[in-house]
Amino acid sequence: FVGYVTSVKDDSENKISYAISDIVKFLQETESPAFMIKGAAVSQVLWRFFDIIGVGPVRIRRASNEIEPVCQVAYSDNNITCWDFVKNICSRNLRK
C-alpha cells in the first residue's frame, strides 16, 4: 500500500492527524485523457495509460503460466475518469 497525505489537521492539544488516500482516490477524481491503442496486451494498455497520466513507474505482476489477453482496441475520452478506464479494461471479456 502506498498512501498519499491529502490533509493535515493540528488540534488544540498539538495532536496532528493526517488524512491518507491511496492512488485510487486520485484516479477517481481525474478526468481520463483521450487515449486509444490497438492490438496490445492488457498490461501494455495499462502501462501506457498510467504513463500518459503521469503515474509510474508501474509494475504489473502476472502468474508465470498466464496467457495475457489482447485488447483489439482500447480507448477512452474525457467523459469518464481514469479509474473508470482502468476498471473497464480489467473487467472486459477479452480474447486470449
Protein backbone atom coordinates (compact mmCIF):
# COMPACT_ATOMS: atom_id res chain seq x y z
CA PHE A 1 0.00 0.00 0.00
CA VAL A 2 1.25 3.42 -0.91
CA GLY A 3 -0.60 6.26 0.79
CA TYR A 4 -0.72 9.93 -0.03
CA VAL A 5 -1.41 12.58 2.58
CA THR A 6 -4.40 14.63 1.45
CA SER A 7 -4.75 16.86 4.52
CA VAL A 8 -3.11 17.58 7.85
CA LYS A 9 -5.00 18.66 10.95
CA ASP A 10 -3.49 20.04 14.16
CA ASP A 11 -5.86 20.18 17.13
CA SER A 12 -5.67 22.32 20.27
CA GLU A 13 -3.62 19.69 22.13
CA ASN A 14 -0.95 19.66 19.42
CA LYS A 15 -2.10 16.29 18.16
CA ILE A 16 -1.60 16.02 14.45
CA SER A 17 -3.76 13.82 12.27
CA TYR A 18 -3.36 13.01 8.60
CA ALA A 19 -5.96 12.05 6.03
CA ILE A 20 -4.37 9.44 3.79
CA SER A 21 -5.68 8.08 0.50
CA ASP A 22 -4.33 5.59 -1.99
CA ILE A 23 -3.89 6.20 -5.72
CA VAL A 24 -7.48 5.10 -6.42
CA LYS A 25 -8.84 8.32 -4.93
CA PHE A 26 -6.82 10.38 -7.39
CA LEU A 27 -7.80 8.17 -10.32
CA GLN A 28 -11.46 8.56 -9.35
CA GLU A 29 -11.14 12.36 -9.33
CA THR A 30 -9.13 12.71 -12.54
CA GLU A 31 -10.70 13.03 -15.97
CA SER A 32 -9.37 10.48 -18.43
CA PRO A 33 -7.37 11.83 -21.37
CA ALA A 34 -8.26 10.88 -24.92
CA PHE A 35 -6.46 7.59 -25.45
CA MET A 36 -6.54 4.76 -27.99
CA ILE A 37 -4.37 1.73 -28.54
CA LYS A 38 -4.87 -1.27 -30.83
CA GLY A 39 -3.73 -4.87 -30.52
CA ALA A 40 -1.94 -4.56 -27.19
CA ALA A 41 -1.82 -6.85 -24.19
CA VAL A 42 -3.79 -5.68 -21.16
CA SER A 43 -0.59 -4.95 -19.21
CA GLN A 44 0.71 -2.83 -22.10
CA VAL A 45 -2.55 -0.87 -22.25
CA LEU A 46 -2.44 -0.19 -18.52
CA TRP A 47 1.27 0.66 -18.51
CA ARG A 48 0.87 3.14 -21.38
CA PHE A 49 -2.25 4.69 -19.85
CA PHE A 50 -0.56 5.22 -16.47
CA ASP A 51 2.48 6.65 -18.24
CA ILE A 52 0.31 9.16 -20.11
CA ILE A 53 -1.37 10.37 -16.91
CA GLY A 54 1.96 10.63 -15.08
CA VAL A 55 1.65 7.65 -12.74
CA GLY A 56 4.65 5.41 -12.58
CA PRO A 57 6.72 3.51 -12.71
CA VAL A 58 4.06 0.81 -12.74
CA ARG A 59 4.80 -2.86 -12.08
CA ILE A 60 2.21 -5.37 -13.24
CA ARG A 61 2.57 -8.91 -11.93
CA ARG A 62 1.15 -11.96 -13.68
CA ALA A 63 1.29 -15.66 -12.95
CA SER A 64 4.14 -17.27 -14.89
CA ASN A 65 1.79 -19.57 -16.81
CA GLU A 66 -0.82 -16.89 -17.55
CA ILE A 67 -1.71 -16.19 -21.16
CA GLU A 68 -2.37 -12.50 -21.29
CA PRO A 69 -5.45 -11.31 -23.16
CA VAL A 70 -5.05 -8.85 -26.02
CA CYS A 71 -7.25 -5.80 -26.45
CA GLN A 72 -8.30 -5.37 -30.06
CA VAL A 73 -8.97 -1.72 -29.31
CA ALA A 74 -8.82 0.12 -26.00
CA TYR A 75 -9.94 3.72 -25.91
CA SER A 76 -11.06 6.45 -23.59
CA ASP A 77 -12.08 10.08 -23.67
CA ASN A 78 -12.75 12.79 -21.15
CA ASN A 79 -16.30 11.59 -20.45
CA ILE A 80 -15.04 9.12 -17.83
CA THR A 81 -12.49 9.14 -15.03
CA CYS A 82 -9.13 7.42 -15.12
CA TRP A 83 -10.48 4.92 -12.58
CA ASP A 84 -13.40 4.07 -14.89
CA PHE A 85 -10.96 3.37 -17.71
CA VAL A 86 -8.85 1.05 -15.53
CA LYS A 87 -11.94 -0.80 -14.27
CA ASN A 88 -13.27 -1.20 -17.81
CA ILE A 89 -10.01 -2.61 -19.14
CA CYS A 90 -9.65 -5.02 -16.22
CA SER A 91 -13.23 -6.28 -16.36
CA ARG A 92 -13.77 -6.62 -20.10
CA ASN A 93 -14.31 -10.04 -21.62
CA LEU A 94 -11.07 -10.14 -23.61
CA ARG A 95 -9.96 -12.84 -26.05
CA LYS A 96 -6.86 -14.87 -25.26
